[in-house]
Protein backbone atom coordinates (compact mmCIF):
# COMPACT_ATOMS: atom_id res chain seq x y z
CA MET A 1 -14.94 -39.83 -73.99
CA LYS A 2 -12.52 -40.02 -76.97
CA LYS A 3 -14.18 -37.77 -79.53
CA ILE A 4 -15.32 -34.33 -78.19
CA LEU A 5 -17.28 -31.74 -80.29
CA ILE A 6 -16.69 -28.10 -79.28
CA THR A 7 -19.10 -25.81 -80.75
CA GLY A 8 -18.10 -22.10 -81.27
CA GLY A 9 -14.53 -23.13 -80.90
CA ALA A 10 -13.23 -20.20 -83.12
CA GLY A 11 -14.78 -17.57 -80.91
CA PHE A 12 -13.21 -15.80 -77.84
CA ILE A 13 -13.91 -18.30 -75.09
CA GLY A 14 -14.27 -21.25 -77.31
CA SER A 15 -10.75 -20.84 -78.86
CA HIS A 16 -9.21 -20.96 -75.39
CA VAL A 17 -11.15 -24.09 -74.47
CA VAL A 18 -10.12 -25.68 -77.76
CA ARG A 19 -6.49 -24.86 -77.24
CA LEU A 20 -6.56 -26.22 -73.70
CA PHE A 21 -8.12 -29.53 -74.63
CA VAL A 22 -6.10 -30.13 -77.77
CA ASN A 23 -2.85 -29.53 -75.79
CA LYS A 24 -3.86 -31.21 -72.58
CA TYR A 25 -5.51 -34.32 -74.05
CA PRO A 26 -3.54 -35.50 -77.01
CA ASN A 27 -5.28 -38.86 -76.89
CA LYS A 28 -8.72 -37.22 -77.42
CA GLN A 29 -9.93 -36.06 -80.82
CA ILE A 30 -11.15 -32.53 -80.65
CA VAL A 31 -13.56 -31.35 -83.38
CA ASN A 32 -14.17 -27.62 -83.55
CA LEU A 33 -17.47 -26.73 -85.15
CA ASP A 34 -17.96 -23.00 -85.96
CA LYS A 35 -20.16 -21.11 -88.41
CA LEU A 36 -17.44 -18.38 -88.65
CA THR A 37 -19.73 -15.49 -88.19
CA TYR A 38 -18.17 -12.06 -87.50
CA ALA A 39 -16.98 -13.32 -84.02
CA GLY A 40 -15.37 -16.52 -85.17
CA ASN A 41 -11.72 -16.17 -86.03
CA LEU A 42 -9.58 -19.19 -86.97
CA GLN A 43 -6.57 -16.97 -86.50
CA ASN A 44 -7.17 -17.52 -82.79
CA LEU A 45 -6.05 -21.08 -83.18
CA ILE A 46 -3.03 -20.98 -85.51
CA ASP A 47 -0.89 -22.56 -82.84
CA VAL A 48 -2.93 -25.78 -82.71
CA GLU A 49 -4.47 -26.01 -86.14
CA HIS A 50 -1.98 -28.66 -87.37
CA GLN A 51 -2.11 -30.84 -84.26
CA PRO A 52 -3.03 -34.48 -85.21
CA ASN A 53 -5.93 -34.60 -82.58
CA TYR A 54 -7.58 -31.32 -83.85
CA LYS A 55 -10.10 -31.01 -86.64
CA PHE A 56 -12.10 -27.96 -87.78
CA ILE A 57 -15.53 -28.16 -89.39
CA LYS A 58 -17.43 -25.21 -90.73
CA GLY A 59 -21.17 -25.53 -90.08
CA ASP A 60 -24.27 -23.88 -88.64
CA ILE A 61 -25.93 -25.39 -85.63
CA THR A 62 -29.30 -24.05 -86.70
CA ASP A 63 -29.31 -26.45 -89.62
CA ALA A 64 -30.79 -29.63 -88.11
CA THR A 65 -30.28 -31.77 -91.26
CA PHE A 66 -26.49 -30.92 -91.15
CA ILE A 67 -26.15 -31.34 -87.40
CA ASN A 68 -27.87 -34.70 -87.55
CA GLY A 69 -25.67 -35.87 -90.35
CA LEU A 70 -22.47 -34.73 -88.57
CA PHE A 71 -23.31 -36.59 -85.38
CA GLU A 72 -24.11 -39.81 -87.43
CA ALA A 73 -20.78 -39.43 -89.24
CA GLU A 74 -18.53 -38.53 -86.29
CA LEU A 75 -20.28 -40.39 -83.47
CA PHE A 76 -19.17 -37.84 -80.82
CA ASP A 77 -18.76 -39.01 -77.25
CA ALA A 78 -19.28 -35.61 -75.80
CA VAL A 79 -20.46 -32.05 -76.73
CA LEU A 80 -19.01 -28.94 -75.25
CA HIS A 81 -21.48 -26.26 -76.40
CA LEU A 82 -20.12 -22.74 -76.48
CA ALA A 83 -21.57 -21.50 -79.89
CA ALA A 84 -23.87 -18.49 -79.17
CA GLU A 85 -24.75 -14.98 -80.16
CA SER A 86 -23.62 -12.98 -77.11
CA HIS A 87 -23.63 -9.30 -77.77
CA VAL A 88 -26.45 -7.60 -76.01
CA ASP A 89 -26.75 -4.57 -78.26
CA ARG A 90 -27.03 -6.92 -81.31
CA SER A 91 -29.79 -8.77 -79.54
CA ILE A 92 -31.71 -5.68 -79.02
CA THR A 93 -31.44 -4.89 -82.78
CA ASN A 94 -32.17 -8.49 -84.04
CA PRO A 95 -33.67 -10.76 -81.33
CA LEU A 96 -34.68 -13.44 -83.77
CA GLU A 97 -31.07 -14.23 -84.69
CA PHE A 98 -30.41 -14.92 -81.01
CA VAL A 99 -33.43 -17.22 -80.78
CA MET A 100 -32.32 -19.14 -83.76
CA THR A 101 -28.68 -19.70 -82.66
CA ASN A 102 -29.00 -19.79 -78.95
CA VAL A 103 -32.29 -21.71 -78.57
CA ILE A 104 -32.90 -23.54 -81.89
CA GLY A 105 -29.23 -24.44 -82.30
CA THR A 106 -28.96 -25.77 -78.81
CA VAL A 107 -32.10 -27.93 -79.30
CA ASN A 108 -30.70 -29.33 -82.65
CA LEU A 109 -27.57 -30.33 -80.88
CA LEU A 110 -29.51 -31.93 -77.97
CA ASN A 111 -31.67 -33.94 -80.43
CA ALA A 112 -28.68 -35.24 -82.37
CA ALA A 113 -26.79 -36.30 -79.24
CA LYS A 114 -29.96 -37.87 -77.86
CA GLN A 115 -30.35 -39.94 -81.08
CA ILE A 116 -26.85 -41.32 -81.28
CA TRP A 117 -26.49 -41.91 -77.63
CA GLY A 118 -29.92 -43.65 -77.39
CA CYS A 119 -31.13 -41.57 -74.47
CA ASN A 120 -34.67 -42.06 -73.27
CA LYS A 121 -36.47 -42.16 -69.92
CA ASP A 122 -36.48 -46.00 -69.88
CA LYS A 123 -32.70 -46.20 -69.92
CA VAL A 124 -30.01 -45.27 -67.42
CA THR A 125 -28.19 -42.07 -68.15
CA PRO A 126 -25.00 -42.90 -70.11
CA THR A 127 -21.88 -42.58 -67.98
CA ASP A 128 -19.51 -42.40 -70.95
CA LYS A 129 -21.28 -39.47 -72.68
CA ARG A 130 -21.54 -35.74 -71.81
CA PHE A 131 -23.51 -32.70 -73.10
CA TYR A 132 -21.95 -29.69 -71.49
CA HIS A 133 -23.83 -26.41 -72.02
CA VAL A 134 -21.92 -23.14 -71.42
CA SER A 135 -24.10 -20.32 -70.36
CA THR A 136 -23.94 -16.84 -68.65
CA ASP A 137 -24.70 -15.09 -65.42
CA GLU A 138 -27.07 -12.73 -67.33
CA VAL A 139 -29.83 -15.23 -67.16
CA TYR A 140 -30.22 -14.32 -63.48
CA GLY A 141 -31.09 -10.67 -64.19
CA SER A 142 -29.81 -7.83 -62.09
CA LEU A 143 -28.60 -7.60 -58.42
CA GLY A 144 -28.87 -4.77 -55.96
CA ASP A 145 -25.99 -3.40 -53.92
CA GLU A 146 -25.69 -6.65 -52.03
CA GLY A 147 -25.87 -10.41 -52.62
CA LEU A 148 -24.52 -12.91 -55.17
CA PHE A 149 -25.97 -15.17 -57.88
CA THR A 150 -25.96 -18.76 -56.79
CA GLU A 151 -26.96 -21.88 -58.65
CA THR A 152 -30.44 -21.74 -57.21
CA THR A 153 -31.14 -18.03 -58.02
CA SER A 154 -34.36 -17.55 -60.01
CA TYR A 155 -33.97 -16.72 -63.64
CA ASP A 156 -34.89 -13.12 -64.51
CA PRO A 157 -33.46 -12.25 -67.92
CA HIS A 158 -33.79 -8.59 -69.05
CA SER A 159 -32.55 -8.62 -72.65
CA PRO A 160 -33.16 -10.78 -75.82
CA TYR A 161 -29.71 -12.19 -75.36
CA SER A 162 -30.11 -13.23 -71.72
CA ALA A 163 -33.65 -14.50 -72.56
CA SER A 164 -32.35 -16.70 -75.31
CA LYS A 165 -29.66 -18.08 -73.02
CA ALA A 166 -32.12 -18.70 -70.27
CA SER A 167 -34.33 -20.58 -72.68
CA SER A 168 -31.37 -22.83 -73.83
CA ASP A 169 -30.56 -23.58 -70.20
CA HIS A 170 -34.14 -24.69 -69.64
CA PHE A 171 -34.01 -27.03 -72.59
CA VAL A 172 -30.77 -28.56 -71.50
CA ARG A 173 -32.35 -29.31 -68.02
CA ALA A 174 -35.53 -30.61 -69.61
CA TYR A 175 -33.67 -33.12 -71.78
CA PHE A 176 -31.83 -34.41 -68.66
CA ASP A 177 -35.17 -34.87 -66.83
CA THR A 178 -37.17 -36.10 -69.89
CA TYR A 179 -34.66 -38.31 -71.72
CA ASN A 180 -31.96 -38.98 -69.13
CA MET A 181 -29.41 -36.93 -71.21
CA PRO A 182 -26.08 -36.75 -69.51
CA CYS A 183 -26.01 -33.00 -69.14
CA VAL A 184 -24.24 -30.32 -67.11
CA ILE A 185 -24.44 -26.45 -67.26
CA SER A 186 -22.18 -23.63 -66.10
CA ASN A 187 -23.10 -19.96 -65.83
CA CYS A 188 -20.09 -17.58 -66.03
CA SER A 189 -19.42 -14.01 -65.28
CA ASN A 190 -17.92 -11.51 -67.71
CA ASN A 191 -14.77 -12.74 -69.43
CA TYR A 192 -11.73 -10.82 -70.55
CA GLY A 193 -8.32 -11.62 -72.01
CA PRO A 194 -6.57 -12.31 -75.30
CA ASN A 195 -8.52 -12.86 -78.62
CA HIS A 196 -11.59 -10.87 -77.49
CA PHE A 197 -13.48 -9.50 -80.44
CA PRO A 198 -13.10 -5.68 -80.10
CA GLU A 199 -16.85 -4.86 -79.85
CA LYS A 200 -16.75 -5.75 -76.14
CA LEU A 201 -15.78 -3.14 -73.58
CA ILE A 202 -12.20 -3.92 -72.62
CA PRO A 203 -10.81 -4.75 -76.15
CA LEU A 204 -12.72 -1.97 -77.71
CA CYS A 205 -11.19 0.58 -75.31
CA ILE A 206 -7.68 -0.97 -75.70
CA ASN A 207 -7.92 -0.37 -79.40
CA ASN A 208 -9.46 3.06 -79.10
CA ILE A 209 -6.83 4.21 -76.54
CA LYS A 210 -4.06 3.00 -79.16
CA ASN A 211 -5.72 5.11 -81.79
CA ASN A 212 -6.70 8.14 -79.59
CA LYS A 213 -10.46 7.54 -80.18
CA PRO A 214 -13.27 8.19 -77.68
CA LEU A 215 -14.00 5.56 -75.09
CA PRO A 216 -17.88 5.20 -75.01
CA ILE A 217 -19.13 4.38 -71.57
CA TYR A 218 -22.88 3.66 -70.99
CA GLY A 219 -24.74 5.98 -68.63
CA LYS A 220 -22.49 7.05 -65.72
CA GLY A 221 -20.37 3.81 -65.88
CA GLU A 222 -21.86 2.64 -62.52
CA ASN A 223 -22.87 -0.78 -63.80
CA ILE A 224 -20.94 -3.49 -61.81
CA ARG A 225 -19.59 -6.75 -63.41
CA ASP A 226 -17.71 -9.69 -61.95
CA TRP A 227 -14.59 -10.17 -64.23
CA LEU A 228 -12.94 -13.50 -64.94
CA TYR A 229 -9.78 -14.09 -66.99
CA VAL A 230 -10.59 -16.21 -69.98
CA GLU A 231 -7.97 -18.87 -69.29
CA ASP A 232 -9.44 -19.30 -65.80
CA HIS A 233 -12.80 -19.88 -67.34
CA ALA A 234 -11.33 -22.42 -69.64
CA SER A 235 -9.74 -24.27 -66.74
CA ALA A 236 -13.02 -24.32 -64.93
CA ILE A 237 -14.79 -25.79 -67.93
CA ASP A 238 -12.11 -28.54 -68.00
CA VAL A 239 -12.70 -29.40 -64.31
CA ILE A 240 -16.52 -29.34 -64.72
CA PHE A 241 -16.53 -31.30 -67.96
CA HIS A 242 -14.50 -34.12 -66.44
CA GLN A 243 -15.65 -34.12 -62.82
CA ALA A 244 -19.28 -32.69 -62.46
CA LYS A 245 -22.21 -35.17 -61.90
CA ASN A 246 -24.87 -35.22 -64.54
CA GLY A 247 -27.74 -32.84 -63.93
CA THR A 248 -25.69 -30.36 -62.04
CA THR A 249 -24.99 -26.66 -62.55
CA TYR A 250 -22.01 -24.64 -61.59
CA ASN A 251 -21.44 -20.85 -61.41
CA ILE A 252 -18.04 -19.72 -62.45
CA GLY A 253 -16.88 -16.27 -61.29
CA GLY A 254 -13.68 -14.33 -60.62
CA HIS A 255 -14.67 -12.57 -57.34
CA ASN A 256 -13.65 -9.38 -59.03
CA GLU A 257 -16.38 -6.83 -58.94
CA TRP A 258 -15.69 -3.56 -60.61
CA THR A 259 -17.87 -0.69 -62.04
CA ASN A 260 -17.41 -0.05 -65.69
CA ILE A 261 -15.87 3.32 -65.15
CA ALA A 262 -13.36 1.99 -62.60
CA VAL A 263 -12.33 -0.76 -65.17
CA ILE A 264 -11.78 1.81 -67.82
CA ARG A 265 -9.82 4.17 -65.54
CA LEU A 266 -7.57 1.29 -64.58
CA LEU A 267 -7.13 0.29 -68.13
CA CYS A 268 -6.28 3.99 -69.00
CA GLN A 269 -3.60 4.03 -66.35
CA ILE A 270 -2.10 0.71 -67.68
CA MET A 271 -2.24 1.89 -71.28
CA ASP A 272 -0.55 5.18 -70.41
CA SER A 273 2.24 3.28 -68.71
CA LYS A 274 2.76 0.77 -71.58
CA LEU A 275 2.63 3.43 -74.14
CA ASN A 276 4.85 5.90 -72.30
CA ARG A 277 2.17 8.52 -72.38
CA PRO A 278 1.78 11.10 -69.53
CA VAL A 279 -0.46 9.99 -66.74
CA GLY A 280 -4.05 10.94 -67.38
CA THR A 281 -3.69 11.16 -71.16
CA SER A 282 -6.11 8.24 -71.96
CA GLU A 283 -8.72 9.20 -69.35
CA GLN A 284 -9.30 12.28 -71.48
CA LEU A 285 -10.81 10.01 -74.12
CA ILE A 286 -13.64 8.83 -71.85
CA THR A 287 -17.09 9.75 -73.20
CA PHE A 288 -20.37 9.02 -71.44
CA VAL A 289 -23.16 7.87 -73.87
CA LYS A 290 -26.93 7.20 -73.52
CA ASP A 291 -27.42 4.07 -71.36
CA ARG A 292 -28.42 0.75 -73.12
CA ALA A 293 -31.97 -0.37 -72.82
CA GLY A 294 -32.64 -2.94 -70.10
CA HIS A 295 -29.04 -2.52 -68.73
CA ASP A 296 -28.60 -4.68 -65.70
CA LEU A 297 -27.02 -2.80 -62.79
CA ARG A 298 -24.95 -5.52 -61.11
CA TYR A 299 -23.76 -9.10 -61.64
CA ALA A 300 -21.85 -11.01 -59.09
CA ILE A 301 -21.27 -14.71 -59.00
CA ASP A 302 -20.94 -16.96 -55.99
CA SER A 303 -18.66 -19.77 -57.14
CA SER A 304 -18.12 -21.46 -53.83
CA LYS A 305 -19.96 -24.58 -54.94
CA LEU A 306 -17.42 -25.04 -57.79
CA GLN A 307 -14.49 -24.33 -55.47
CA THR A 308 -15.80 -26.58 -52.67
CA GLU A 309 -17.06 -29.57 -54.60
CA LEU A 310 -14.47 -29.65 -57.55
CA GLY A 311 -11.47 -27.70 -56.15
CA TRP A 312 -11.30 -25.02 -58.86
CA LYS A 313 -10.42 -21.35 -58.07
CA PRO A 314 -9.34 -18.43 -60.36
CA SER A 315 -5.55 -17.92 -60.66
CA LEU A 316 -5.55 -14.24 -61.42
CA GLN A 317 -6.84 -11.04 -59.71
CA PHE A 318 -8.23 -8.43 -62.10
CA GLU A 319 -5.36 -5.98 -62.02
CA GLU A 320 -2.78 -8.70 -62.96
CA GLY A 321 -5.08 -10.16 -65.60
CA LEU A 322 -5.92 -6.84 -67.14
CA ALA A 323 -2.15 -5.93 -67.48
CA LYS A 324 -1.57 -9.34 -69.13
CA THR A 325 -4.50 -8.64 -71.50
CA VAL A 326 -3.06 -5.17 -72.48
CA ASP A 327 0.37 -6.85 -73.04
CA TRP A 328 -1.16 -9.47 -75.35
CA TYR A 329 -2.93 -6.87 -77.45
CA LEU A 330 0.11 -4.63 -77.75
CA ALA A 331 2.14 -7.60 -78.77
CA ASN A 332 -0.39 -8.98 -81.34
CA GLU A 333 -1.10 -5.89 -83.31
CA GLU A 334 -1.36 -7.90 -86.54
CA TRP A 335 -4.28 -9.98 -85.02
CA LEU A 336 -5.94 -6.74 -84.04
CA ALA A 337 -5.46 -5.14 -87.35
CA SER A 338 -6.79 -8.22 -89.09
CA VAL A 339 -9.91 -8.14 -87.04
CA THR A 340 -10.61 -4.44 -87.26
CA SER A 341 -10.07 -4.53 -91.06
CA GLY A 342 -12.10 -7.69 -91.57
CA ASP A 343 -9.12 -9.53 -93.24
CA TYR A 344 -9.51 -12.35 -90.79
CA LYS A 345 -12.63 -13.50 -92.67
CA ASN A 346 -10.44 -14.58 -95.51
CA TYR A 347 -8.38 -17.07 -93.37
CA TYR A 348 -10.74 -19.92 -93.66
CA ASP A 349 -10.78 -19.77 -97.52
CA ASN A 350 -7.01 -19.38 -97.69
CA GLN A 351 -6.12 -22.07 -95.24
CA TYR A 352 -8.82 -24.62 -95.40
CA VAL A 353 -10.45 -24.32 -98.86
CA ASN A 354 -7.72 -23.25 -101.23
CA ARG A 355 -4.73 -24.88 -99.76
């Protein structure tokens, strides 16, 4: 697999995957396809943008004509599909946008790959091609006080976002069964770390603490999530991409279950220490707001299949990873200022169009 298409590579998780693959596999051509919506930021990849094995293409996966032409021109050997609308609140406001990107966009990519790889039921699944679909644990719905999501947990999505991702997962599996497409899927728990767009809980609260703004917490903050450092997710994707058997699914989790309020209290302690503020200063900013509609109570991933079969395991516990994340944001104030001001949106024009 010499030429790999990574969709959504300018986003939070995607940029870490692009960086890992560009640096680790200099003999592979890495093509980053991103629409550059509000969450796509090419400043995330400044350190690799001039590498000889890296190429960026701006494009929309919902445009079937464009996608088909791109695949015919580039003849990709593999697709690592991360492009997605992912913010639950936005999906509640505009569900159709999530259907278009997460469902139609995924099917467009599957169709284009199927065409150039010649996949059909009468042929053996290609062994030198791969379509890797990156999904979420939210497709499984909500857990009670006990239990973990496994790869055989029934789907039970509760938001337009998770419903759109569940649908895309089903299409990928259907293409494997119907056309012998060489597909794999992973479902991951909540990610955190550098380059996270500050609409999500942790980067939002880091930025608000810096600026002494309220820290909005849904309900009573009792919702539980399993947190995974983004670089650990990227390493898991690398392992699955290269080692998984076609037709398989792997759950990726950090074994770090925390309530939202506990996460924010720990974050407040770290920020007070880093900013030399009196202990308890940042906690005073916590503000409880009306709970989100369809808010799942608890997610928790059982990643034992991935650890046992492919030998992956997370490298960081949450406390260490959260401290590293805070250090990154405090050391990269220009990046944060560019994102919050919207200046990052001009980077593509300045560096790729007008240079």
